[in-house]
Structure formats: C-alpha cells, structure tokens
C-alpha cells in the first residue's frame, strides 16, 4: 500500500524547503527593491526592476555564504561582499551601496515583523544579512 504522506527526509520536506527558500528570496528581493528605489534610483527612477532586485538578493546571499564562514573576520568580509554586490548591481559608489544595504535591512525587518503578526515566522529575508 502506498502512503499518502509526503516523502520526508529526516523530518525535512523538500517541497516545504523550496517554498521557504522562494518566499525568503522574494522577501529579500522586495527589501532590496524598496531600498534601491529610495537610495540608488532616487534621482533616476528608470531601470529599476523587481527581477533585478531578486537576482541581486540571490547573488548577495551567495557572496555572504562564501565569505561569512571564515573564522574571526567572516561576518565583516561577508558584509563587505554583500555591499560589493549591491555596488556592482546598482548605480553609485560604496557609500550609496552601503546606504542601500542598510535601507534593505530595515525594509526586510519591517516586512518580517508584519509577517510575524500574521503568524508567518518560518521565513527570512534571503539576500539581506541579519534579517
């Protein structure tokens, strides 16, 4: 007899993991999109797309993952790598990228707090460190 329960790998449901990943990536992309609209593109609104922000969040998460594991200085290197991704993907220099990153973090915290009010606390903001 075939069981009707989903296949669980050590208590982990792959489909649930994929959904949490996708939602977390969209939240991170939304935070970067909002921040870039307020900081990087405040003088030049053309060219800002949500898809660009989601890819930036994914690349930023990758940069963080590659650097943050290094003992003692990993968190600092991960943060610099994440800001470097924002600098590469959006107009402006290091200062504007850092301000965009700080604004993205603040936006992610607000979105996650709002989701928590609705009982959705199993997600994070992938691509936004510390959120």
Protein backbone atom coordinates (compact mmCIF):
# COMPACT_ATOMS: atom_id res chain seq x y z
CA UNK A 1 0.00 0.00 0.00
CA UNK A 2 1.33 3.43 -0.92
CA UNK A 3 1.35 6.00 1.83
CA UNK A 4 -0.39 9.29 1.13
CA UNK A 5 2.02 11.29 3.29
CA UNK A 6 4.80 13.20 1.53
CA UNK A 7 8.29 11.81 1.49
CA UNK A 8 10.20 13.23 4.42
CA UNK A 9 13.97 13.08 4.53
CA UNK A 10 14.92 13.04 8.17
CA UNK A 11 11.94 15.24 9.07
CA UNK A 12 12.59 17.62 6.18
CA UNK A 13 10.00 18.08 3.46
CA UNK A 14 11.83 19.14 0.25
CA UNK A 15 8.78 20.92 -1.14
CA UNK A 16 8.37 22.93 2.05
CA UNK A 17 12.07 23.81 1.94
CA UNK A 18 11.73 25.00 -1.64
CA UNK A 19 8.71 27.15 -0.76
CA UNK A 20 10.51 28.70 2.23
CA UNK A 21 13.56 29.39 0.02
CA UNK A 22 11.44 31.03 -2.69
CA UNK A 23 9.44 33.15 -0.24
CA UNK A 24 12.59 34.18 1.62
CA UNK A 25 14.25 35.14 -1.68
CA UNK A 26 11.21 37.20 -2.71
CA UNK A 27 11.22 38.99 0.66
CA UNK A 28 14.94 39.75 0.30
CA UNK A 29 14.36 40.94 -3.27
CA UNK A 30 11.47 43.12 -2.15
CA UNK A 31 13.61 44.71 0.57
CA UNK A 32 16.40 45.46 -1.91
CA UNK A 33 13.89 46.71 -4.49
CA UNK A 34 12.36 49.16 -2.00
CA UNK A 35 15.77 50.30 -0.74
CA UNK A 36 17.22 50.75 -4.23
CA UNK A 37 14.17 52.77 -5.25
CA UNK A 38 14.74 55.12 -2.32
CA UNK A 39 18.54 55.32 -2.45
CA UNK A 40 20.19 54.14 -5.67
CA UNK A 41 17.48 55.30 -8.06
CA UNK A 42 16.07 58.28 -6.18
CA UNK A 43 17.26 60.69 -8.90
CA UNK A 44 16.85 58.33 -11.86
CA UNK A 45 13.74 56.15 -11.46
CA UNK A 46 14.10 54.32 -14.79
CA UNK A 47 15.73 50.92 -14.93
CA UNK A 48 14.70 49.66 -11.51
CA UNK A 49 13.02 46.24 -11.73
CA UNK A 50 11.91 43.71 -9.14
CA UNK A 51 13.61 40.90 -11.07
CA UNK A 52 16.93 42.77 -10.87
CA UNK A 53 16.47 43.09 -7.11
CA UNK A 54 15.68 39.39 -6.66
CA UNK A 55 18.80 38.41 -8.60
CA UNK A 56 20.79 40.90 -6.50
CA UNK A 57 19.43 39.24 -3.35
CA UNK A 58 20.44 35.81 -4.66
CA UNK A 59 23.95 36.98 -5.59
CA UNK A 60 24.27 38.79 -2.26
CA UNK A 61 23.28 35.62 -0.39
CA UNK A 62 25.90 33.71 -2.37
CA UNK A 63 28.59 36.28 -1.54
CA UNK A 64 27.61 36.11 2.13
CA UNK A 65 27.70 32.30 2.13
CA UNK A 66 31.14 32.21 0.50
CA UNK A 67 32.71 34.67 2.94
CA UNK A 68 30.85 34.56 6.27
CA UNK A 69 32.22 31.16 7.35
CA UNK A 70 35.81 32.45 7.65
CA UNK A 71 36.84 32.46 11.34
CA UNK A 72 37.14 35.80 13.16
CA UNK A 73 36.55 38.11 10.17
CA UNK A 74 33.97 36.19 8.18
CA UNK A 75 30.99 38.32 9.14
CA UNK A 76 32.83 41.50 8.20
CA UNK A 77 34.02 40.02 4.90
CA UNK A 78 30.52 38.70 4.19
CA UNK A 79 29.03 42.14 4.79
CA UNK A 80 31.63 43.78 2.53
CA UNK A 81 30.96 41.16 -0.15
CA UNK A 82 27.21 41.76 0.11
CA UNK A 83 27.68 45.53 -0.20
CA UNK A 84 30.04 44.93 -3.15
CA UNK A 85 27.25 43.01 -4.92
CA UNK A 86 24.88 45.94 -4.39
CA UNK A 87 27.56 48.37 -5.65
CA UNK A 88 28.07 46.22 -8.75
CA UNK A 89 24.35 45.85 -9.49
CA UNK A 90 23.16 49.41 -8.80
CA UNK A 91 24.44 52.90 -9.69
CA UNK A 92 26.57 54.84 -7.24
CA UNK A 93 29.66 54.21 -5.21
CA UNK A 94 30.45 52.42 -1.98
CA UNK A 95 28.59 54.92 0.21
CA UNK A 96 25.37 54.66 -1.77
CA UNK A 97 25.68 50.85 -1.81
CA UNK A 98 26.14 50.78 1.98
CA UNK A 99 23.13 53.08 2.49
CA UNK A 100 21.09 50.92 0.10
CA UNK A 101 22.12 47.86 2.11
CA UNK A 102 21.14 49.48 5.41
CA UNK A 103 17.79 50.53 3.93
CA UNK A 104 17.25 47.00 2.58
CA UNK A 105 17.93 45.57 6.03
CA UNK A 106 15.41 47.98 7.59
CA UNK A 107 12.80 47.16 4.94
CA UNK A 108 13.34 43.43 5.48
CA UNK A 109 12.90 43.80 9.24
CA UNK A 110 9.60 45.65 8.70
CA UNK A 111 8.30 43.02 6.24
CA UNK A 112 9.32 40.14 8.51
CA UNK A 113 7.71 41.80 11.53
CA UNK A 114 4.49 42.27 9.55
CA UNK A 115 4.53 38.60 8.52
CA UNK A 116 5.12 37.60 12.13
CA UNK A 117 1.94 39.48 13.09
CA UNK A 118 0.05 37.20 10.69
CA UNK A 119 1.65 34.10 12.18
CA UNK A 120 4.17 33.55 9.38
CA UNK A 121 7.50 33.29 11.13
CA UNK A 122 9.22 30.45 9.28
CA UNK A 123 10.75 32.70 6.61
CA UNK A 124 13.67 35.07 6.50
CA UNK A 125 14.92 37.61 4.01
CA UNK A 126 17.39 35.70 1.86
CA UNK A 127 19.98 38.05 0.45
CA UNK A 128 19.74 40.53 3.35
CA UNK A 129 22.20 39.65 6.14
CA UNK A 130 20.88 39.82 9.68
CA UNK A 131 17.23 39.96 8.67
